[in-house]
C-alpha cells in the first residue's frame, strides 16, 4: 500500500512539473507597450470637451522595443528611447522640451490593440491625447 501511495505521489509531482499550454499574461512593466503602433488620430480641444480629429496622413508610427529603444516615424521626432516610470506612465527621450523629455500617461485597451498616450509633463492645458492601433 505504501508503494502505491508513493507511486501516486511521484506521478502527481511529475505531472505538475510539465509545461502548461495556457498562455500567461506578460507582467513585465511596459510589456503591453512592446511592438509597433500606427497613429490614427488625436483628441484635443481649444476649450470644452475633447474632440476626435483623425490623422490626416498615414504611416505615422512608433515602435516600443523590449530593450527600451524607440523607433518613430512622423511623431516624437528625435526620440530614440523610453523609460517606464510606473505601470501607467512612460517617458520618451530625447525631445525638444525644457527638460529634454516628455512623460505620458498611457492606456492600452481593446484587448491590447489600442494605445492612448496623454502628455502629463509637459501637459496640454486644454487636454489632449494621441491614439494608436496595432
N, C-alpha and C. Protein backbone atom coordinates (compact mmCIF):
# COMPACT_ATOMS: atom_id res chain seq x y z
N UNK A 1 0.82 -1.18 0.00
CA UNK A 1 0.00 0.00 0.00
C UNK A 1 0.87 1.26 0.00
N UNK A 2 1.99 1.23 0.79
CA UNK A 2 2.89 2.37 0.83
C UNK A 2 3.51 2.61 -0.55
N UNK A 3 3.81 1.53 -1.27
CA UNK A 3 4.40 1.68 -2.60
C UNK A 3 3.41 2.33 -3.56
N UNK A 4 2.14 1.96 -3.46
CA UNK A 4 1.11 2.55 -4.31
C UNK A 4 0.95 4.04 -4.00
N UNK A 5 0.95 4.42 -2.74
CA UNK A 5 0.83 5.82 -2.35
C UNK A 5 2.05 6.61 -2.82
N UNK A 6 3.23 6.01 -2.70
CA UNK A 6 4.46 6.68 -3.15
C UNK A 6 4.43 6.86 -4.66
N UNK A 7 3.98 5.84 -5.38
CA UNK A 7 3.90 5.92 -6.83
C UNK A 7 2.91 7.00 -7.27
N UNK A 8 1.79 7.10 -6.59
CA UNK A 8 0.80 8.14 -6.90
C UNK A 8 1.38 9.53 -6.65
N UNK A 9 2.12 9.68 -5.54
CA UNK A 9 2.73 10.96 -5.21
C UNK A 9 3.75 11.36 -6.27
N UNK A 10 4.57 10.42 -6.72
CA UNK A 10 5.55 10.70 -7.77
C UNK A 10 4.84 11.10 -9.06
N UNK A 11 3.77 10.40 -9.40
CA UNK A 11 3.02 10.71 -10.61
C UNK A 11 2.44 12.13 -10.54
N UNK A 12 1.86 12.50 -9.40
CA UNK A 12 1.28 13.83 -9.23
C UNK A 12 2.37 14.90 -9.35
N UNK A 13 3.51 14.68 -8.72
CA UNK A 13 4.61 15.65 -8.78
C UNK A 13 5.14 15.81 -10.21
N UNK A 14 5.33 14.72 -10.91
CA UNK A 14 5.82 14.80 -12.29
C UNK A 14 4.81 15.48 -13.20
N UNK A 15 3.55 15.21 -12.99
CA UNK A 15 2.51 15.82 -13.80
C UNK A 15 2.44 17.33 -13.58
N UNK A 16 2.68 17.78 -12.36
CA UNK A 16 2.61 19.21 -12.07
C UNK A 16 3.83 19.96 -12.59
N UNK A 17 4.89 19.27 -12.93
CA UNK A 17 6.10 19.92 -13.45
C UNK A 17 6.07 20.12 -14.96
N UNK A 18 5.11 19.57 -15.64
CA UNK A 18 5.04 19.67 -17.09
C UNK A 18 4.76 21.09 -17.55
N UNK A 19 5.06 21.36 -18.81
CA UNK A 19 4.81 22.68 -19.38
C UNK A 19 3.31 22.88 -19.56
N UNK A 20 2.88 24.08 -19.24
CA UNK A 20 1.48 24.43 -19.41
C UNK A 20 1.27 24.96 -20.82
N UNK A 21 0.16 24.60 -21.42
CA UNK A 21 -0.16 25.12 -22.74
C UNK A 21 -0.95 26.42 -22.64
N UNK A 22 -1.31 26.78 -21.42
CA UNK A 22 -2.06 28.01 -21.20
C UNK A 22 -1.13 29.21 -21.33
N UNK A 23 -1.53 30.18 -22.14
CA UNK A 23 -0.71 31.38 -22.34
C UNK A 23 -0.83 32.29 -21.12
N UNK A 24 0.32 32.65 -20.56
CA UNK A 24 0.36 33.51 -19.38
C UNK A 24 0.49 34.97 -19.82
N UNK A 25 -0.13 35.85 -19.08
CA UNK A 25 -0.02 37.28 -19.36
C UNK A 25 1.40 37.74 -19.02
N UNK A 26 1.95 38.60 -19.85
CA UNK A 26 3.28 39.16 -19.62
C UNK A 26 3.14 40.27 -18.58
N UNK A 27 3.74 40.07 -17.43
CA UNK A 27 3.57 41.02 -16.33
C UNK A 27 4.75 41.99 -16.21
N UNK A 28 5.70 41.95 -17.13
CA UNK A 28 6.81 42.90 -17.07
C UNK A 28 6.28 44.32 -17.25
N UNK A 29 6.87 45.26 -16.50
CA UNK A 29 6.47 46.65 -16.60
C UNK A 29 6.66 47.13 -18.03
N UNK A 30 5.61 47.60 -18.65
CA UNK A 30 5.68 48.10 -20.01
C UNK A 30 5.43 47.07 -21.09
N UNK A 31 5.25 45.82 -20.72
CA UNK A 31 5.09 44.77 -21.73
C UNK A 31 3.92 45.03 -22.67
N UNK A 32 2.88 45.68 -22.17
CA UNK A 32 1.72 45.96 -23.02
C UNK A 32 2.03 46.99 -24.11
N UNK A 33 3.13 47.74 -23.94
CA UNK A 33 3.53 48.74 -24.95
C UNK A 33 4.37 48.14 -26.07
N UNK A 34 5.06 47.03 -25.79
CA UNK A 34 6.01 46.46 -26.74
C UNK A 34 5.38 46.26 -28.11
N UNK A 35 6.14 46.63 -29.14
CA UNK A 35 5.70 46.40 -30.50
C UNK A 35 5.38 47.69 -31.23
N UNK A 36 4.83 47.53 -32.42
CA UNK A 36 4.55 48.66 -33.29
C UNK A 36 3.13 49.17 -33.17
N UNK A 37 3.00 50.50 -33.30
CA UNK A 37 1.72 51.18 -33.20
C UNK A 37 1.59 52.20 -34.32
N UNK A 38 0.44 52.23 -34.96
CA UNK A 38 0.15 53.19 -36.04
C UNK A 38 -0.77 54.28 -35.48
N UNK A 39 -0.41 55.52 -35.76
CA UNK A 39 -1.17 56.67 -35.30
C UNK A 39 -2.48 56.76 -36.08
N UNK A 40 -3.60 56.92 -35.35
CA UNK A 40 -4.90 57.03 -36.02
C UNK A 40 -5.56 58.40 -35.84
N UNK A 41 -5.11 59.15 -34.83
CA UNK A 41 -5.69 60.47 -34.62
C UNK A 41 -5.47 60.96 -33.21
N UNK A 42 -6.08 62.11 -32.93
CA UNK A 42 -5.90 62.76 -31.63
C UNK A 42 -7.22 63.26 -31.08
N UNK A 43 -7.25 63.36 -29.78
CA UNK A 43 -8.31 64.06 -29.08
C UNK A 43 -7.71 65.37 -28.58
N UNK A 44 -8.34 66.48 -28.90
CA UNK A 44 -7.90 67.76 -28.35
C UNK A 44 -9.03 68.77 -28.48
N UNK A 45 -8.82 69.90 -27.82
CA UNK A 45 -9.83 70.94 -27.80
C UNK A 45 -9.17 72.28 -27.49
N UNK A 46 -9.80 73.36 -27.92
CA UNK A 46 -9.32 74.68 -27.56
C UNK A 46 -10.17 75.24 -26.41
N UNK A 47 -10.83 74.36 -25.74
CA UNK A 47 -11.72 74.70 -24.62
C UNK A 47 -12.94 73.83 -24.71
N UNK A 48 -13.42 73.37 -23.61
CA UNK A 48 -14.56 72.46 -23.63
C UNK A 48 -14.10 71.03 -23.76
N UNK A 49 -15.02 70.12 -24.06
CA UNK A 49 -14.66 68.70 -24.14
C UNK A 49 -13.74 68.41 -25.33
N UNK A 50 -12.90 67.40 -25.17
CA UNK A 50 -12.01 67.00 -26.27
C UNK A 50 -12.83 66.46 -27.44
N UNK A 51 -12.34 66.72 -28.64
CA UNK A 51 -12.99 66.23 -29.86
C UNK A 51 -12.01 65.34 -30.60
N UNK A 52 -12.56 64.36 -31.30
CA UNK A 52 -11.74 63.43 -32.09
C UNK A 52 -11.35 64.08 -33.41
N UNK A 53 -10.06 63.99 -33.74
CA UNK A 53 -9.53 64.50 -35.00
C UNK A 53 -8.72 63.38 -35.63
N UNK A 54 -9.24 62.73 -36.69
CA UNK A 54 -8.50 61.63 -37.32
C UNK A 54 -7.19 62.12 -37.94
N UNK A 55 -6.23 61.20 -38.03
CA UNK A 55 -4.94 61.53 -38.65
C UNK A 55 -5.16 61.96 -40.08
N UNK A 56 -4.45 62.99 -40.51
CA UNK A 56 -4.60 63.46 -41.89
C UNK A 56 -3.52 62.88 -42.81
N UNK A 57 -2.59 62.12 -42.25
CA UNK A 57 -1.59 61.40 -43.06
C UNK A 57 -1.48 59.98 -42.54
N UNK A 58 -0.98 59.11 -43.39
CA UNK A 58 -0.78 57.71 -42.99
C UNK A 58 0.70 57.44 -42.78
N UNK A 59 1.00 56.34 -42.17
CA UNK A 59 2.39 55.93 -41.98
C UNK A 59 3.06 56.48 -40.74
N UNK A 60 2.35 57.27 -39.94
CA UNK A 60 2.92 57.77 -38.69
C UNK A 60 2.90 56.62 -37.69
N UNK A 61 4.07 56.33 -37.11
CA UNK A 61 4.13 55.15 -36.24
C UNK A 61 5.18 55.31 -35.15
N UNK A 62 5.08 54.42 -34.19
CA UNK A 62 6.06 54.33 -33.11
C UNK A 62 6.22 52.85 -32.75
N UNK A 63 7.47 52.46 -32.46
CA UNK A 63 7.75 51.08 -32.06
C UNK A 63 8.47 51.11 -30.73
N UNK A 64 7.89 50.48 -29.72
CA UNK A 64 8.49 50.34 -28.40
C UNK A 64 9.18 48.97 -28.35
N UNK A 65 10.51 48.94 -28.33
CA UNK A 65 11.25 47.68 -28.24
C UNK A 65 11.40 47.28 -26.77
N UNK A 66 11.56 45.99 -26.53
CA UNK A 66 11.67 45.49 -25.16
C UNK A 66 12.90 46.04 -24.44
N UNK A 67 13.94 46.42 -25.17
CA UNK A 67 15.18 46.90 -24.54
C UNK A 67 15.15 48.40 -24.24
N UNK A 68 14.02 49.06 -24.43
CA UNK A 68 13.91 50.48 -24.11
C UNK A 68 14.19 51.41 -25.27
N UNK A 69 14.50 50.86 -26.44
CA UNK A 69 14.70 51.73 -27.60
C UNK A 69 13.35 52.03 -28.24
N UNK A 70 13.34 53.15 -28.94
CA UNK A 70 12.11 53.64 -29.55
C UNK A 70 12.41 54.01 -30.99
N UNK A 71 11.57 53.57 -31.90
CA UNK A 71 11.66 53.98 -33.31
C UNK A 71 10.41 54.77 -33.63
N UNK A 72 10.61 55.93 -34.24
CA UNK A 72 9.46 56.76 -34.57
C UNK A 72 9.48 57.15 -36.04
N UNK A 73 8.31 57.41 -36.56
CA UNK A 73 8.17 57.87 -37.93
C UNK A 73 7.06 58.90 -37.96
N UNK A 74 7.43 60.18 -38.07
CA UNK A 74 6.45 61.24 -38.20
C UNK A 74 5.87 61.76 -36.89
N UNK A 75 6.34 61.26 -35.76
CA UNK A 75 5.86 61.70 -34.45
C UNK A 75 7.00 61.53 -33.46
N UNK A 76 7.03 62.38 -32.45
CA UNK A 76 8.09 62.36 -31.43
C UNK A 76 9.47 62.39 -32.10
N UNK A 77 9.64 63.27 -33.05
CA UNK A 77 10.85 63.39 -33.84
C UNK A 77 12.08 63.56 -32.95
N UNK A 78 13.09 62.75 -33.20
CA UNK A 78 14.34 62.79 -32.46
C UNK A 78 14.39 61.83 -31.29
N UNK A 79 13.25 61.35 -30.85
CA UNK A 79 13.24 60.41 -29.72
C UNK A 79 13.76 59.06 -30.16
N UNK A 80 14.53 58.40 -29.27
CA UNK A 80 15.06 57.08 -29.61
C UNK A 80 15.06 56.11 -28.43
N UNK A 81 14.48 56.53 -27.31
CA UNK A 81 14.40 55.63 -26.16
C UNK A 81 13.21 56.02 -25.28
N UNK A 82 12.83 55.08 -24.42
CA UNK A 82 11.76 55.34 -23.47
C UNK A 82 12.10 54.67 -22.15
N UNK A 83 11.51 55.21 -21.09
CA UNK A 83 11.69 54.66 -19.75
C UNK A 83 10.31 54.49 -19.13
N UNK A 84 10.06 53.32 -18.57
CA UNK A 84 8.81 53.10 -17.86
C UNK A 84 8.95 53.71 -16.47
N UNK A 85 8.13 54.69 -16.13
CA UNK A 85 8.15 55.33 -14.83
C UNK A 85 7.35 54.50 -13.84
N UNK A 86 6.18 54.08 -14.24
CA UNK A 86 5.35 53.17 -13.45
C UNK A 86 4.41 52.45 -14.43
N UNK A 87 3.41 51.78 -13.92
CA UNK A 87 2.56 50.95 -14.77
C UNK A 87 1.64 51.74 -15.69
N UNK A 88 1.58 53.07 -15.54
CA UNK A 88 0.73 53.88 -16.42
C UNK A 88 1.44 55.10 -16.98
N UNK A 89 2.75 55.22 -16.74
CA UNK A 89 3.49 56.39 -17.18
C UNK A 89 4.77 55.99 -17.91
N UNK A 90 4.97 56.59 -19.08
CA UNK A 90 6.17 56.34 -19.88
C UNK A 90 6.84 57.68 -20.19
N UNK A 91 8.17 57.68 -20.17
CA UNK A 91 8.94 58.88 -20.50
C UNK A 91 9.62 58.64 -21.84
N UNK A 92 9.43 59.55 -22.78
CA UNK A 92 10.03 59.44 -24.11
C UNK A 92 11.16 60.47 -24.20
N UNK A 93 12.34 60.01 -24.67
CA UNK A 93 13.55 60.83 -24.72
C UNK A 93 14.28 60.67 -26.03
N UNK A 94 15.13 61.56 -26.42
CA UNK A 94 15.10 62.97 -26.07
C UNK A 94 14.04 63.67 -26.92
N UNK A 95 13.49 64.72 -26.37
CA UNK A 95 12.51 65.53 -27.09
C UNK A 95 12.84 67.01 -26.86
N UNK A 96 12.43 67.86 -27.78
CA UNK A 96 12.76 69.28 -27.66
C UNK A 96 11.87 70.02 -26.65
N UNK A 97 11.96 69.61 -25.40
CA UNK A 97 11.24 70.27 -24.32
C UNK A 97 12.27 70.86 -23.37
N UNK A 98 11.83 71.64 -22.44
CA UNK A 98 12.75 72.25 -21.47
C UNK A 98 13.57 71.21 -20.72
N UNK A 99 12.94 70.09 -20.40
CA UNK A 99 13.63 69.02 -19.66
C UNK A 99 14.31 68.00 -20.55
N UNK A 100 14.05 68.05 -21.85
CA UNK A 100 14.66 67.09 -22.77
C UNK A 100 13.88 65.79 -22.91
N UNK A 101 12.72 65.73 -22.32
CA UNK A 101 11.88 64.53 -22.42
C UNK A 101 10.43 64.96 -22.25
N UNK A 102 9.53 64.03 -22.47
CA UNK A 102 8.11 64.22 -22.19
C UNK A 102 7.59 62.96 -21.52
N UNK A 103 6.75 63.13 -20.54
CA UNK A 103 6.11 62.00 -19.87
C UNK A 103 4.66 61.93 -20.30
N UNK A 104 4.23 60.69 -20.51
CA UNK A 104 2.87 60.43 -20.98
C UNK A 104 2.19 59.42 -20.07
N UNK A 105 0.94 59.68 -19.80
CA UNK A 105 0.08 58.67 -19.21
C UNK A 105 -0.36 57.80 -20.38
N UNK A 106 -0.35 56.48 -20.19
CA UNK A 106 -0.79 55.62 -21.29
C UNK A 106 -1.85 54.64 -20.82
N UNK A 107 -2.66 54.25 -21.79
CA UNK A 107 -3.73 53.28 -21.53
C UNK A 107 -3.81 52.37 -22.74
N UNK A 108 -3.75 51.08 -22.51
CA UNK A 108 -3.89 50.10 -23.58
C UNK A 108 -5.24 49.42 -23.40
N UNK A 109 -6.07 49.50 -24.45
CA UNK A 109 -7.43 48.96 -24.38
C UNK A 109 -7.71 48.09 -25.60
N UNK A 110 -8.96 47.66 -25.71
CA UNK A 110 -9.44 46.84 -26.83
C UNK A 110 -8.55 45.62 -27.04
N UNK A 111 -8.40 44.86 -25.95
CA UNK A 111 -7.61 43.61 -25.97
C UNK A 111 -6.17 43.84 -26.40
N UNK A 112 -5.60 44.96 -25.98
CA UNK A 112 -4.20 45.24 -26.28
C UNK A 112 -3.96 45.83 -27.65
N UNK A 113 -5.01 46.24 -28.35
CA UNK A 113 -4.86 46.72 -29.72
C UNK A 113 -5.00 48.23 -29.89
N UNK A 114 -5.27 48.96 -28.81
CA UNK A 114 -5.41 50.41 -28.90
C UNK A 114 -4.59 51.05 -27.78
N UNK A 115 -3.77 52.03 -28.15
CA UNK A 115 -2.92 52.74 -27.21
C UNK A 115 -3.29 54.22 -27.22
N UNK A 116 -3.53 54.77 -26.03
CA UNK A 116 -3.79 56.20 -25.90
C UNK A 116 -2.67 56.80 -25.06
N UNK A 117 -1.96 57.78 -25.62
CA UNK A 117 -0.90 58.48 -24.92
C UNK A 117 -1.37 59.92 -24.64
N UNK A 118 -1.33 60.31 -23.37
CA UNK A 118 -1.74 61.66 -22.98
C UNK A 118 -0.57 62.33 -22.27
N UNK A 119 -0.09 63.47 -22.78
CA UNK A 119 1.07 64.12 -22.15
C UNK A 119 0.73 64.65 -20.75
N UNK A 120 1.64 64.37 -19.80
CA UNK A 120 1.44 64.86 -18.43
C UNK A 120 2.59 65.76 -17.98
N UNK A 121 3.75 65.71 -18.66
CA UNK A 121 4.87 66.57 -18.31
C UNK A 121 5.74 66.78 -19.54
N UNK A 122 5.59 67.86 -20.26
CA UNK A 122 4.63 68.94 -20.07
C UNK A 122 3.22 68.50 -20.48
N UNK A 123 2.24 69.10 -19.86
CA UNK A 123 0.84 68.72 -20.10
C UNK A 123 0.18 69.71 -21.05
N UNK A 124 -0.87 69.24 -21.71
CA UNK A 124 -1.71 70.12 -22.51
C UNK A 124 -2.64 70.86 -21.55
N UNK A 125 -2.76 72.15 -21.72
CA UNK A 125 -3.63 72.93 -20.85
C UNK A 125 -5.09 72.53 -21.04
N UNK A 126 -5.47 72.34 -22.30
CA UNK A 126 -6.87 72.02 -22.60
C UNK A 126 -7.14 70.52 -22.52
N UNK A 127 -6.12 69.73 -22.45
CA UNK A 127 -6.27 68.27 -22.52
C UNK A 127 -6.07 67.79 -23.94
N UNK A 128 -5.36 66.72 -24.10
CA UNK A 128 -5.13 66.15 -25.43
C UNK A 128 -4.60 64.75 -25.28
N UNK A 129 -4.70 63.97 -26.32
CA UNK A 129 -4.15 62.61 -26.33
C UNK A 129 -4.00 62.15 -27.78
N UNK A 130 -3.05 61.24 -27.97
CA UNK A 130 -2.81 60.63 -29.28
C UNK A 130 -3.24 59.18 -29.22
N UNK A 131 -3.86 58.69 -30.28
CA UNK A 131 -4.39 57.33 -30.31
C UNK A 131 -3.68 56.54 -31.39
N UNK A 132 -3.28 55.31 -31.04
CA UNK A 132 -2.56 54.40 -31.93
C UNK A 132 -3.25 53.04 -31.92
N UNK A 133 -3.09 52.29 -32.98
CA UNK A 133 -3.57 50.91 -33.03
C UNK A 133 -2.44 50.01 -33.51
N UNK A 134 -2.52 48.73 -33.18
CA UNK A 134 -1.50 47.76 -33.63
C UNK A 134 -1.65 47.50 -35.09
